[in-house]
Amino acid sequence: MDFEIISGDQMKLEDKRAIEEYKIPSIVLMENAAMAFFNQVKDLANEFVIVASTGNNGGDGLAIARHLFLNKKSVKVYMVGKKEKMTKDCKINYDILLKLGIDPIFLDKINDDLKNDIKDKILIDAIFGTGLSRNVEGFYKELIDLINDEAKYIVAVDIASGLNANDGKIMGTCIEADMTITFHKLKKGIDLADPKYKGIIFTKYIGIP
């Protein structure tokens, strides 16, 4: 594994090239990312709570939930966003979870169950990925601020939600991650960010040429 640092925009191009030029299906890259993430966190605890979006970062989170569950970990999954707007790969992983008997809880407001879960379990942040380009507002901001206030320990999937992958700026608010597990190459925004928004960093190979 090299230590090259790339921007979020460059990552998008490398991801696109892997899919279009090398014909690697995007769901394969998502699965590779989930496995790499799982292998890094599996020994941290026996109980996890995952907060995922309906985008591809959320899809990573749902695939991670599956691997944790199949390896006898306790997993609870919360989702934000509209179910009908799930990306294709996110929907694939969502449907697999349903078959396994895991029914993600869709949030439109903060509830006591969520507050209690994030206080005593490892929280996996799979809300926004490296493609975030506008400020976090509304319920998403409220949710991230709650997580920062209440979570015992936070692990970010690829990048802390709310962090700009190109320049490390905070997009309105941002997850204060204790650990970041990023994929393929370290993102410039993570490298430039204040340490409280990234924690310990691991960069994982996911099979992009």
N, C-alpha and C. Protein backbone atom coordinates (compact mmCIF):
# COMPACT_ATOMS: atom_id res chain seq x y z
N MET A 1 0.86 -1.20 0.00
CA MET A 1 0.00 0.00 0.00
C MET A 1 0.88 1.23 0.00
N ASP A 2 0.64 2.13 -0.94
CA ASP A 2 1.44 3.35 -0.98
C ASP A 2 0.79 4.42 -0.11
N PHE A 3 1.45 5.56 -0.04
CA PHE A 3 0.97 6.64 0.81
C PHE A 3 0.57 7.86 -0.02
N GLU A 4 0.19 7.62 -1.26
CA GLU A 4 -0.25 8.71 -2.11
C GLU A 4 -1.52 9.33 -1.54
N ILE A 5 -1.60 10.65 -1.62
CA ILE A 5 -2.77 11.38 -1.16
C ILE A 5 -3.50 11.94 -2.37
N ILE A 6 -4.81 11.70 -2.45
CA ILE A 6 -5.59 12.20 -3.57
C ILE A 6 -6.79 12.99 -3.07
N SER A 7 -7.31 13.84 -3.92
CA SER A 7 -8.50 14.61 -3.56
C SER A 7 -9.75 13.74 -3.71
N GLY A 8 -10.85 14.25 -3.19
CA GLY A 8 -12.12 13.57 -3.39
C GLY A 8 -12.49 13.49 -4.86
N ASP A 9 -12.19 14.55 -5.60
CA ASP A 9 -12.48 14.56 -7.03
C ASP A 9 -11.66 13.51 -7.77
N GLN A 10 -10.39 13.37 -7.39
CA GLN A 10 -9.55 12.34 -8.01
C GLN A 10 -10.06 10.94 -7.68
N MET A 11 -10.52 10.76 -6.45
CA MET A 11 -11.06 9.46 -6.05
C MET A 11 -12.26 9.10 -6.90
N LYS A 12 -13.11 10.07 -7.17
CA LYS A 12 -14.29 9.83 -8.00
C LYS A 12 -13.87 9.35 -9.39
N LEU A 13 -12.82 9.97 -9.95
CA LEU A 13 -12.34 9.58 -11.28
C LEU A 13 -11.72 8.19 -11.26
N GLU A 14 -10.97 7.86 -10.21
CA GLU A 14 -10.34 6.54 -10.13
C GLU A 14 -11.39 5.44 -9.94
N ASP A 15 -12.41 5.75 -9.17
CA ASP A 15 -13.52 4.83 -8.98
C ASP A 15 -14.24 4.59 -10.31
N LYS A 16 -14.50 5.67 -11.03
CA LYS A 16 -15.18 5.59 -12.33
C LYS A 16 -14.34 4.78 -13.33
N ARG A 17 -13.04 4.99 -13.31
CA ARG A 17 -12.15 4.28 -14.23
C ARG A 17 -12.16 2.77 -13.93
N ALA A 18 -12.15 2.43 -12.64
CA ALA A 18 -12.17 1.01 -12.26
C ALA A 18 -13.44 0.34 -12.78
N ILE A 19 -14.55 1.06 -12.70
CA ILE A 19 -15.84 0.50 -13.10
C ILE A 19 -15.98 0.45 -14.62
N GLU A 20 -15.62 1.54 -15.30
CA GLU A 20 -15.87 1.64 -16.73
C GLU A 20 -14.75 1.05 -17.59
N GLU A 21 -13.50 1.30 -17.21
CA GLU A 21 -12.39 0.81 -18.04
C GLU A 21 -12.01 -0.63 -17.69
N TYR A 22 -11.94 -0.91 -16.38
CA TYR A 22 -11.53 -2.25 -15.95
C TYR A 22 -12.70 -3.19 -15.73
N LYS A 23 -13.91 -2.66 -15.85
CA LYS A 23 -15.14 -3.48 -15.79
C LYS A 23 -15.32 -4.17 -14.43
N ILE A 24 -14.86 -3.51 -13.38
CA ILE A 24 -15.08 -4.03 -12.03
C ILE A 24 -16.43 -3.49 -11.54
N PRO A 25 -17.41 -4.32 -11.29
CA PRO A 25 -18.71 -3.81 -10.86
C PRO A 25 -18.60 -3.00 -9.57
N SER A 26 -19.38 -1.94 -9.49
CA SER A 26 -19.32 -1.08 -8.29
C SER A 26 -19.67 -1.84 -7.03
N ILE A 27 -20.57 -2.84 -7.14
CA ILE A 27 -20.95 -3.61 -5.96
C ILE A 27 -19.77 -4.45 -5.44
N VAL A 28 -18.86 -4.83 -6.34
CA VAL A 28 -17.65 -5.56 -5.92
C VAL A 28 -16.74 -4.64 -5.10
N LEU A 29 -16.57 -3.41 -5.57
CA LEU A 29 -15.76 -2.45 -4.82
C LEU A 29 -16.38 -2.16 -3.45
N MET A 30 -17.71 -2.06 -3.42
CA MET A 30 -18.40 -1.83 -2.15
C MET A 30 -18.18 -3.00 -1.20
N GLU A 31 -18.26 -4.20 -1.73
CA GLU A 31 -18.05 -5.39 -0.89
C GLU A 31 -16.61 -5.46 -0.38
N ASN A 32 -15.66 -5.13 -1.24
CA ASN A 32 -14.25 -5.12 -0.82
C ASN A 32 -14.03 -4.10 0.29
N ALA A 33 -14.65 -2.93 0.15
CA ALA A 33 -14.52 -1.89 1.17
C ALA A 33 -15.13 -2.36 2.49
N ALA A 34 -16.31 -2.97 2.41
CA ALA A 34 -16.97 -3.45 3.63
C ALA A 34 -16.14 -4.51 4.34
N MET A 35 -15.56 -5.42 3.59
CA MET A 35 -14.73 -6.46 4.19
C MET A 35 -13.49 -5.87 4.85
N ALA A 36 -12.87 -4.91 4.18
CA ALA A 36 -11.67 -4.28 4.74
C ALA A 36 -12.01 -3.54 6.03
N PHE A 37 -13.14 -2.85 6.03
CA PHE A 37 -13.60 -2.12 7.22
C PHE A 37 -13.90 -3.10 8.35
N PHE A 38 -14.65 -4.15 8.03
CA PHE A 38 -15.01 -5.15 9.03
C PHE A 38 -13.77 -5.74 9.69
N ASN A 39 -12.79 -6.09 8.90
CA ASN A 39 -11.59 -6.71 9.46
C ASN A 39 -10.82 -5.78 10.39
N GLN A 40 -10.97 -4.47 10.18
CA GLN A 40 -10.30 -3.51 11.05
C GLN A 40 -11.05 -3.31 12.38
N VAL A 41 -12.39 -3.40 12.36
CA VAL A 41 -13.16 -3.06 13.56
C VAL A 41 -13.68 -4.26 14.34
N LYS A 42 -13.59 -5.45 13.79
CA LYS A 42 -14.28 -6.61 14.38
C LYS A 42 -13.87 -6.89 15.82
N ASP A 43 -12.65 -6.54 16.19
CA ASP A 43 -12.19 -6.83 17.55
C ASP A 43 -12.34 -5.66 18.51
N LEU A 44 -12.96 -4.58 18.05
CA LEU A 44 -13.13 -3.41 18.92
C LEU A 44 -14.19 -3.64 19.99
N ALA A 45 -15.24 -4.39 19.65
CA ALA A 45 -16.37 -4.56 20.56
C ALA A 45 -17.26 -5.68 20.04
N ASN A 46 -18.29 -6.00 20.83
CA ASN A 46 -19.29 -6.97 20.40
C ASN A 46 -20.61 -6.32 20.00
N GLU A 47 -20.74 -5.02 20.27
CA GLU A 47 -21.98 -4.32 19.97
C GLU A 47 -21.70 -3.08 19.13
N PHE A 48 -22.43 -2.97 18.03
CA PHE A 48 -22.23 -1.85 17.10
C PHE A 48 -23.58 -1.24 16.74
N VAL A 49 -23.58 0.05 16.49
CA VAL A 49 -24.74 0.72 15.90
C VAL A 49 -24.25 1.46 14.67
N ILE A 50 -24.96 1.30 13.57
CA ILE A 50 -24.56 1.92 12.31
C ILE A 50 -25.61 2.95 11.91
N VAL A 51 -25.15 4.14 11.58
CA VAL A 51 -26.04 5.18 11.05
C VAL A 51 -25.64 5.39 9.59
N ALA A 52 -26.57 5.06 8.70
CA ALA A 52 -26.26 5.03 7.27
C ALA A 52 -27.24 5.88 6.48
N SER A 53 -26.76 6.42 5.37
CA SER A 53 -27.62 7.15 4.44
C SER A 53 -28.17 6.18 3.41
N THR A 54 -28.89 6.70 2.43
CA THR A 54 -29.39 5.88 1.32
C THR A 54 -28.47 5.97 0.10
N GLY A 55 -27.32 6.62 0.26
CA GLY A 55 -26.33 6.72 -0.82
C GLY A 55 -25.31 5.60 -0.74
N ASN A 56 -24.24 5.73 -1.49
CA ASN A 56 -23.25 4.65 -1.54
C ASN A 56 -22.43 4.53 -0.26
N ASN A 57 -22.22 5.64 0.46
CA ASN A 57 -21.56 5.52 1.76
C ASN A 57 -22.45 4.71 2.71
N GLY A 58 -23.74 4.96 2.61
CA GLY A 58 -24.69 4.16 3.38
C GLY A 58 -24.67 2.70 2.97
N GLY A 59 -24.53 2.46 1.66
CA GLY A 59 -24.42 1.09 1.17
C GLY A 59 -23.23 0.37 1.78
N ASP A 60 -22.10 1.08 1.89
CA ASP A 60 -20.94 0.51 2.59
C ASP A 60 -21.33 0.11 4.01
N GLY A 61 -22.04 1.01 4.69
CA GLY A 61 -22.44 0.76 6.06
C GLY A 61 -23.34 -0.46 6.20
N LEU A 62 -24.27 -0.64 5.26
CA LEU A 62 -25.17 -1.79 5.31
C LEU A 62 -24.41 -3.09 5.05
N ALA A 63 -23.44 -3.07 4.15
CA ALA A 63 -22.62 -4.25 3.90
C ALA A 63 -21.77 -4.58 5.13
N ILE A 64 -21.26 -3.55 5.78
CA ILE A 64 -20.49 -3.74 7.02
C ILE A 64 -21.38 -4.37 8.09
N ALA A 65 -22.62 -3.89 8.19
CA ALA A 65 -23.57 -4.46 9.15
C ALA A 65 -23.75 -5.96 8.94
N ARG A 66 -23.85 -6.36 7.67
CA ARG A 66 -24.01 -7.79 7.35
C ARG A 66 -22.83 -8.61 7.85
N HIS A 67 -21.62 -8.13 7.58
CA HIS A 67 -20.43 -8.88 8.00
C HIS A 67 -20.34 -8.96 9.52
N LEU A 68 -20.67 -7.89 10.21
CA LEU A 68 -20.66 -7.93 11.67
C LEU A 68 -21.68 -8.93 12.18
N PHE A 69 -22.89 -8.89 11.63
CA PHE A 69 -23.96 -9.79 12.05
C PHE A 69 -23.59 -11.25 11.81
N LEU A 70 -23.05 -11.54 10.64
CA LEU A 70 -22.69 -12.92 10.32
C LEU A 70 -21.53 -13.44 11.14
N ASN A 71 -20.81 -12.52 11.77
CA ASN A 71 -19.71 -12.91 12.66
C ASN A 71 -20.10 -12.73 14.13
N LYS A 72 -21.40 -12.87 14.38
CA LYS A 72 -21.95 -12.96 15.74
C LYS A 72 -21.83 -11.69 16.56
N LYS A 73 -21.73 -10.55 15.89
CA LYS A 73 -21.75 -9.28 16.59
C LYS A 73 -23.19 -8.76 16.67
N SER A 74 -23.48 -8.01 17.73
CA SER A 74 -24.77 -7.35 17.84
C SER A 74 -24.73 -6.07 17.00
N VAL A 75 -25.70 -5.94 16.09
CA VAL A 75 -25.71 -4.79 15.18
C VAL A 75 -27.12 -4.20 15.11
N LYS A 76 -27.21 -2.88 15.27
CA LYS A 76 -28.46 -2.17 15.07
C LYS A 76 -28.21 -1.12 13.99
N VAL A 77 -29.11 -1.01 13.03
CA VAL A 77 -28.91 -0.12 11.89
C VAL A 77 -29.99 0.95 11.85
N TYR A 78 -29.56 2.20 11.82
CA TYR A 78 -30.45 3.34 11.60
C TYR A 78 -30.14 3.92 10.23
N MET A 79 -31.17 4.39 9.53
CA MET A 79 -30.95 5.00 8.23
C MET A 79 -31.60 6.37 8.16
N VAL A 80 -30.98 7.25 7.37
CA VAL A 80 -31.53 8.59 7.13
C VAL A 80 -31.65 8.80 5.63
N GLY A 81 -32.73 9.46 5.24
CA GLY A 81 -32.99 9.66 3.83
C GLY A 81 -34.25 8.93 3.41
N LYS A 82 -34.61 9.07 2.16
CA LYS A 82 -35.84 8.45 1.65
C LYS A 82 -35.53 7.08 1.06
N LYS A 83 -36.29 6.09 1.50
CA LYS A 83 -36.06 4.71 1.07
C LYS A 83 -36.10 4.58 -0.45
N GLU A 84 -37.02 5.33 -1.08
CA GLU A 84 -37.17 5.21 -2.53
C GLU A 84 -36.02 5.85 -3.31
N LYS A 85 -35.15 6.57 -2.61
CA LYS A 85 -34.01 7.22 -3.28
C LYS A 85 -32.69 6.49 -3.04
N MET A 86 -32.75 5.26 -2.55
CA MET A 86 -31.52 4.49 -2.37
C MET A 86 -30.80 4.31 -3.70
N THR A 87 -29.46 4.39 -3.66
CA THR A 87 -28.69 4.03 -4.83
C THR A 87 -28.83 2.53 -5.08
N LYS A 88 -28.50 2.10 -6.28
CA LYS A 88 -28.66 0.69 -6.66
C LYS A 88 -27.89 -0.24 -5.71
N ASP A 89 -26.63 0.11 -5.44
CA ASP A 89 -25.81 -0.77 -4.60
C ASP A 89 -26.24 -0.72 -3.14
N CYS A 90 -26.72 0.42 -2.70
CA CYS A 90 -27.26 0.52 -1.34
C CYS A 90 -28.49 -0.37 -1.22
N LYS A 91 -29.36 -0.35 -2.21
CA LYS A 91 -30.58 -1.15 -2.18
C LYS A 91 -30.26 -2.65 -2.17
N ILE A 92 -29.24 -3.05 -2.89
CA ILE A 92 -28.84 -4.46 -2.87
C ILE A 92 -28.50 -4.89 -1.45
N ASN A 93 -27.69 -4.09 -0.78
CA ASN A 93 -27.28 -4.45 0.57
C ASN A 93 -28.42 -4.32 1.57
N TYR A 94 -29.32 -3.37 1.35
CA TYR A 94 -30.51 -3.23 2.18
C TYR A 94 -31.38 -4.50 2.08
N ASP A 95 -31.60 -4.96 0.87
CA ASP A 95 -32.44 -6.15 0.67
C ASP A 95 -31.80 -7.39 1.31
N ILE A 96 -30.48 -7.50 1.26
CA ILE A 96 -29.80 -8.63 1.91
C ILE A 96 -30.03 -8.59 3.41
N LEU A 97 -29.93 -7.40 4.00
CA LEU A 97 -30.17 -7.28 5.45
C LEU A 97 -31.58 -7.73 5.81
N LEU A 98 -32.55 -7.33 5.01
CA LEU A 98 -33.93 -7.75 5.29
C LEU A 98 -34.06 -9.27 5.27
N LYS A 99 -33.38 -9.92 4.32
CA LYS A 99 -33.42 -11.37 4.24
C LYS A 99 -32.78 -12.01 5.47
N LEU A 100 -31.81 -11.34 6.06
CA LEU A 100 -31.13 -11.85 7.25
C LEU A 100 -31.91 -11.55 8.53
N GLY A 101 -33.01 -10.81 8.39
CA GLY A 101 -33.81 -10.49 9.56
C GLY A 101 -33.42 -9.19 10.24
N ILE A 102 -32.60 -8.39 9.57
CA ILE A 102 -32.23 -7.07 10.10
C ILE A 102 -33.04 -6.02 9.36
N ASP A 103 -33.87 -5.31 10.08
CA ASP A 103 -34.74 -4.30 9.47
C ASP A 103 -34.27 -2.91 9.90
N PRO A 104 -33.50 -2.22 9.06
CA PRO A 104 -33.00 -0.89 9.43
C PRO A 104 -34.14 0.05 9.82
N ILE A 105 -33.88 0.88 10.81
CA ILE A 105 -34.87 1.83 11.31
C ILE A 105 -34.65 3.17 10.63
N PHE A 106 -35.65 3.63 9.90
CA PHE A 106 -35.53 4.92 9.22
C PHE A 106 -35.87 6.05 10.19
N LEU A 107 -35.00 7.03 10.25
CA LEU A 107 -35.13 8.15 11.19
C LEU A 107 -35.61 9.41 10.47
N ASP A 108 -36.56 10.11 11.09
CA ASP A 108 -36.88 11.46 10.64
C ASP A 108 -36.86 12.43 11.81
N LYS A 109 -36.56 11.88 13.00
CA LYS A 109 -36.38 12.70 14.19
C LYS A 109 -35.53 11.92 15.19
N ILE A 110 -34.94 12.63 16.12
CA ILE A 110 -34.13 11.99 17.15
C ILE A 110 -35.06 11.26 18.11
N ASN A 111 -34.73 10.01 18.43
CA ASN A 111 -35.54 9.29 19.42
C ASN A 111 -34.67 8.74 20.55
N ASP A 112 -35.30 8.32 21.62
CA ASP A 112 -34.58 7.87 22.81
C ASP A 112 -33.78 6.60 22.55
N ASP A 113 -34.31 5.72 21.69
CA ASP A 113 -33.57 4.49 21.37
C ASP A 113 -32.22 4.82 20.75
N LEU A 114 -32.23 5.74 19.81
CA LEU A 114 -30.99 6.16 19.18
C LEU A 114 -30.02 6.74 20.21
N LYS A 115 -30.52 7.63 21.04
CA LYS A 115 -29.67 8.25 22.06
C LYS A 115 -29.03 7.19 22.96
N ASN A 116 -29.82 6.22 23.38
CA ASN A 116 -29.30 5.18 24.26
C ASN A 116 -28.30 4.27 23.54
N ASP A 117 -28.59 3.94 22.29
CA ASP A 117 -27.71 3.04 21.54
C ASP A 117 -26.33 3.64 21.33
N ILE A 118 -26.26 4.93 21.01
CA ILE A 118 -24.96 5.51 20.68
C ILE A 118 -24.13 5.81 21.91
N LYS A 119 -24.73 5.72 23.09
CA LYS A 119 -23.97 5.98 24.31
C LYS A 119 -23.11 4.81 24.74
N ASP A 120 -23.52 3.59 24.38
CA ASP A 120 -22.79 2.44 24.91
C ASP A 120 -22.32 1.44 23.87
N LYS A 121 -22.45 1.80 22.59
CA LYS A 121 -21.98 0.91 21.52
C LYS A 121 -20.99 1.66 20.62
N ILE A 122 -20.19 0.91 19.87
CA ILE A 122 -19.35 1.53 18.84
C ILE A 122 -20.26 2.04 17.74
N LEU A 123 -20.13 3.32 17.40
CA LEU A 123 -20.96 3.88 16.33
C LEU A 123 -20.17 3.94 15.03
N ILE A 124 -20.77 3.42 13.98
CA ILE A 124 -20.17 3.47 12.65
C ILE A 124 -20.91 4.52 11.83
N ASP A 125 -20.17 5.53 11.41
CA ASP A 125 -20.70 6.66 10.66
C ASP A 125 -20.62 6.37 9.16
N ALA A 126 -21.79 6.12 8.55
CA ALA A 126 -21.86 5.86 7.10
C ALA A 126 -22.91 6.77 6.47
N ILE A 127 -22.86 8.05 6.84
CA ILE A 127 -23.87 9.00 6.36
C ILE A 127 -23.43 9.66 5.05
N PHE A 128 -22.35 10.43 5.10
CA PHE A 128 -21.84 11.10 3.90
C PHE A 128 -20.43 10.62 3.59
N GLY A 129 -20.15 10.44 2.30
CA GLY A 129 -18.83 10.00 1.88
C GLY A 129 -18.02 11.14 1.29
N THR A 130 -17.11 10.80 0.39
CA THR A 130 -16.19 11.78 -0.18
C THR A 130 -16.85 12.67 -1.22
N GLY A 131 -18.09 12.36 -1.60
CA GLY A 131 -18.75 13.18 -2.63
C GLY A 131 -19.54 14.36 -2.08
N LEU A 132 -19.53 14.56 -0.77
CA LEU A 132 -20.30 15.66 -0.19
C LEU A 132 -19.81 17.01 -0.73
N SER A 133 -20.75 17.82 -1.25
CA SER A 133 -20.35 19.08 -1.87
C SER A 133 -21.14 20.28 -1.37
N ARG A 134 -22.06 20.07 -0.45
CA ARG A 134 -22.81 21.20 0.10
C ARG A 134 -22.93 21.06 1.61
N ASN A 135 -23.28 22.16 2.27
CA ASN A 135 -23.33 22.15 3.73
C ASN A 135 -24.41 21.21 4.25
N VAL A 136 -24.10 20.60 5.37
CA VAL A 136 -25.04 19.73 6.06
C VAL A 136 -26.03 20.59 6.82
N GLU A 137 -27.32 20.35 6.58
CA GLU A 137 -28.36 21.18 7.21
C GLU A 137 -29.50 20.32 7.73
N GLY A 138 -30.43 20.96 8.42
CA GLY A 138 -31.67 20.31 8.84
C GLY A 138 -31.44 19.13 9.76
N PHE A 139 -32.21 18.06 9.52
CA PHE A 139 -32.14 16.89 10.39
C PHE A 139 -30.77 16.23 10.37
N TYR A 140 -30.09 16.25 9.22
CA TYR A 140 -28.75 15.66 9.13
C TYR A 140 -27.80 16.37 10.10
N LYS A 141 -27.88 17.69 10.16
CA LYS A 141 -27.03 18.45 11.09
C LYS A 141 -27.38 18.10 12.53
N GLU A 142 -28.66 18.04 12.82
CA GLU A 142 -29.11 17.69 14.17
C GLU A 142 -28.59 16.30 14.57
N LEU A 143 -28.66 15.37 13.64
CA LEU A 143 -28.21 14.00 13.90
C LEU A 143 -26.70 13.95 14.16
N ILE A 144 -25.93 14.60 13.31
CA ILE A 144 -24.47 14.59 13.49
C ILE A 144 -24.07 15.27 14.80
N ASP A 145 -24.73 16.37 15.12
CA ASP A 145 -24.41 17.06 16.38
C ASP A 145 -24.75 16.17 17.58
N LEU A 146 -25.85 15.44 17.50
CA LEU A 146 -26.21 14.51 18.58
C LEU A 146 -25.15 13.41 18.73
N ILE A 147 -24.74 12.85 17.59
CA ILE A 147 -23.72 11.80 17.63
C ILE A 147 -22.45 12.32 18.29
N ASN A 148 -22.03 13.51 17.92
CA ASN A 148 -20.82 14.08 18.53
C ASN A 148 -20.97 14.27 20.03
N ASP A 149 -22.16 14.66 20.46
CA ASP A 149 -22.40 14.92 21.88
C ASP A 149 -22.50 13.64 22.71
N GLU A 150 -23.05 12.59 22.10
CA GLU A 150 -23.44 11.43 22.90
C GLU A 150 -22.64 10.14 22.64
N ALA A 151 -22.04 9.99 21.48
CA ALA A 151 -21.44 8.70 21.13
C ALA A 151 -20.20 8.39 21.96
N LYS A 152 -20.08 7.12 22.31
CA LYS A 152 -18.93 6.66 23.09
C LYS A 152 -17.66 6.61 22.22
N TYR A 153 -17.79 6.08 21.03
CA TYR A 153 -16.63 5.91 20.13
C TYR A 153 -17.17 5.84 18.71
N ILE A 154 -16.58 6.62 17.80
CA ILE A 154 -17.10 6.74 16.43
C ILE A 154 -16.04 6.29 15.43
N VAL A 155 -16.44 5.42 14.51
CA VAL A 155 -15.57 5.02 13.41
C VAL A 155 -16.22 5.47 12.10
N ALA A 156 -15.52 6.28 11.33
CA ALA A 156 -16.05 6.81 10.07
C ALA A 156 -15.73 5.88 8.91
N VAL A 157 -16.73 5.69 8.05
CA VAL A 157 -16.57 4.90 6.83
C VAL A 157 -16.05 5.81 5.72
N ASP A 158 -14.81 5.64 5.33
CA ASP A 158 -14.12 6.38 4.26
C ASP A 158 -13.72 7.79 4.67
N ILE A 159 -14.65 8.56 5.24
CA ILE A 159 -14.36 9.93 5.68
C ILE A 159 -15.45 10.33 6.67
N ALA A 160 -15.11 11.17 7.63
CA ALA A 160 -16.11 11.63 8.58
C ALA A 160 -17.20 12.42 7.86
N SER A 161 -18.45 12.13 8.15
CA SER A 161 -19.56 12.82 7.50
C SER A 161 -19.52 14.31 7.81
N GLY A 162 -19.51 15.12 6.72
CA GLY A 162 -19.42 16.57 6.87
C GLY A 162 -18.06 17.14 6.55
N LEU A 163 -17.08 16.27 6.33
CA LEU A 163 -15.72 16.72 6.00
C LEU A 163 -15.56 16.77 4.48
N ASN A 164 -15.06 17.90 3.97
CA ASN A 164 -14.82 18.02 2.54
C ASN A 164 -13.57 17.23 2.16
N ALA A 165 -13.71 16.28 1.25
CA ALA A 165 -12.61 15.39 0.89
C ALA A 165 -11.51 16.08 0.10
N ASN A 166 -11.82 17.25 -0.46
CA ASN A 166 -10.82 17.97 -1.26
C ASN A 166 -9.92 18.87 -0.42
N ASP A 167 -10.52 19.55 0.58
CA ASP A 167 -9.74 20.57 1.28
C ASP A 167 -9.80 20.50 2.81
N GLY A 168 -10.54 19.55 3.35
CA GLY A 168 -10.60 19.40 4.79
C GLY A 168 -11.50 20.39 5.51
N LYS A 169 -12.29 21.15 4.76
CA LYS A 169 -13.19 22.11 5.39
C LYS A 169 -14.41 21.40 5.96
N ILE A 170 -15.00 22.01 6.99
CA ILE A 170 -16.20 21.47 7.61
C ILE A 170 -17.41 22.02 6.87
N MET A 171 -18.27 21.13 6.41
CA MET A 171 -19.42 21.51 5.60
C MET A 171 -20.65 21.73 6.50
N GLY A 172 -20.59 22.75 7.32
CA GLY A 172 -21.68 23.06 8.24
C GLY A 172 -21.52 22.42 9.59
N THR A 173 -21.32 21.12 9.62
CA THR A 173 -21.00 20.37 10.83
C THR A 173 -20.29 19.10 10.38
N CYS A 174 -19.69 18.38 11.31
CA CYS A 174 -18.91 17.21 10.91
C CYS A 174 -18.79 16.23 12.07
N ILE A 175 -18.86 14.95 11.75
CA ILE A 175 -18.61 13.90 12.72
C ILE A 175 -17.20 14.05 13.29
N GLU A 176 -17.10 13.94 14.60
CA GLU A 176 -15.79 13.97 15.28
C GLU A 176 -15.36 12.51 15.50
N ALA A 177 -14.69 11.98 14.49
CA ALA A 177 -14.37 10.55 14.48
C ALA A 177 -13.19 10.22 15.38
N ASP A 178 -13.29 9.08 16.06
CA ASP A 178 -12.17 8.55 16.82
C ASP A 178 -11.26 7.71 15.93
N MET A 179 -11.83 7.21 14.84
CA MET A 179 -11.09 6.41 13.86
C MET A 179 -11.71 6.64 12.49
N THR A 180 -10.87 6.75 11.47
CA THR A 180 -11.34 6.81 10.09
C THR A 180 -10.71 5.67 9.31
N ILE A 181 -11.55 4.89 8.64
CA ILE A 181 -11.05 3.84 7.76
C ILE A 181 -11.40 4.25 6.35
N THR A 182 -10.40 4.71 5.63
CA THR A 182 -10.62 5.22 4.27
C THR A 182 -10.16 4.20 3.25
N PHE A 183 -10.65 4.32 2.02
CA PHE A 183 -10.46 3.28 1.03
C PHE A 183 -9.61 3.74 -0.16
N HIS A 184 -8.80 2.83 -0.64
CA HIS A 184 -7.95 3.00 -1.82
C HIS A 184 -6.72 3.87 -1.52
N LYS A 185 -6.94 5.16 -1.29
CA LYS A 185 -5.83 6.06 -0.96
C LYS A 185 -6.32 7.11 0.03
N LEU A 186 -5.40 7.66 0.79
CA LEU A 186 -5.76 8.70 1.75
C LEU A 186 -6.27 9.92 1.01
N LYS A 187 -7.36 10.50 1.50
CA LYS A 187 -7.94 11.67 0.86
C LYS A 187 -7.30 12.95 1.41
N LYS A 188 -7.08 13.89 0.52
CA LYS A 188 -6.45 15.15 0.89
C LYS A 188 -7.19 15.85 2.04
N GLY A 189 -8.51 15.83 1.97
CA GLY A 189 -9.31 16.47 3.00
C GLY A 189 -9.10 15.86 4.38
N ILE A 190 -8.91 14.54 4.43
CA ILE A 190 -8.62 13.89 5.72
C ILE A 190 -7.25 14.31 6.22
N ASP A 191 -6.28 14.34 5.33
CA ASP A 191 -4.92 14.72 5.70
C ASP A 191 -4.87 16.15 6.25
N LEU A 192 -5.66 17.05 5.66
CA LEU A 192 -5.63 18.46 6.06
C LEU A 192 -6.52 18.78 7.26
N ALA A 193 -7.42 17.89 7.61
CA ALA A 193 -8.43 18.18 8.62
C ALA A 193 -7.85 18.27 10.02
N ASP A 194 -8.55 19.01 10.86
CA ASP A 194 -8.26 19.04 12.28
C ASP A 194 -8.32 17.60 12.82
N PRO A 195 -7.37 17.20 13.67
CA PRO A 195 -7.33 15.82 14.16
C PRO A 195 -8.63 15.33 14.79
N LYS A 196 -9.42 16.24 15.35
CA LYS A 196 -10.65 15.78 16.04
C LYS A 196 -11.70 15.27 15.06
N TYR A 197 -11.51 15.52 13.77
CA TYR A 197 -12.46 15.05 12.78
C TYR A 197 -11.99 13.79 12.04
N LYS A 198 -10.90 13.21 12.47
CA LYS A 198 -10.43 12.00 11.77
C LYS A 198 -9.92 10.91 12.70
N GLY A 199 -9.37 11.28 13.86
CA GLY A 199 -8.86 10.27 14.78
C GLY A 199 -7.73 9.46 14.17
N ILE A 200 -7.66 8.19 14.55
CA ILE A 200 -6.67 7.28 13.97
C ILE A 200 -7.10 6.96 12.54
N ILE A 201 -6.15 6.97 11.61
CA ILE A 201 -6.49 6.75 10.20
C ILE A 201 -5.91 5.43 9.69
N PHE A 202 -6.75 4.67 9.01
CA PHE A 202 -6.30 3.47 8.31
C PHE A 202 -6.72 3.60 6.84
N THR A 203 -5.82 3.29 5.93
CA THR A 203 -6.13 3.32 4.50
C THR A 203 -6.12 1.90 3.98
N LYS A 204 -7.24 1.48 3.38
CA LYS A 204 -7.42 0.08 3.02
C LYS A 204 -7.52 -0.14 1.51
N TYR A 205 -6.84 -1.17 1.05
CA TYR A 205 -6.89 -1.62 -0.33
C TYR A 205 -8.26 -2.24 -0.63
N ILE A 206 -8.89 -1.84 -1.74
CA ILE A 206 -10.20 -2.40 -2.09
C ILE A 206 -10.24 -2.92 -3.53
N GLY A 207 -9.08 -3.06 -4.17
CA GLY A 207 -9.04 -3.69 -5.48
C GLY A 207 -9.17 -2.78 -6.67
N ILE A 208 -8.93 -1.48 -6.48
CA ILE A 208 -8.93 -0.55 -7.61
C ILE A 208 -7.54 -0.57 -8.25
N PRO A 209 -7.46 -0.85 -9.56
CA PRO A 209 -6.14 -0.91 -10.22
C PRO A 209 -5.40 0.42 -10.15
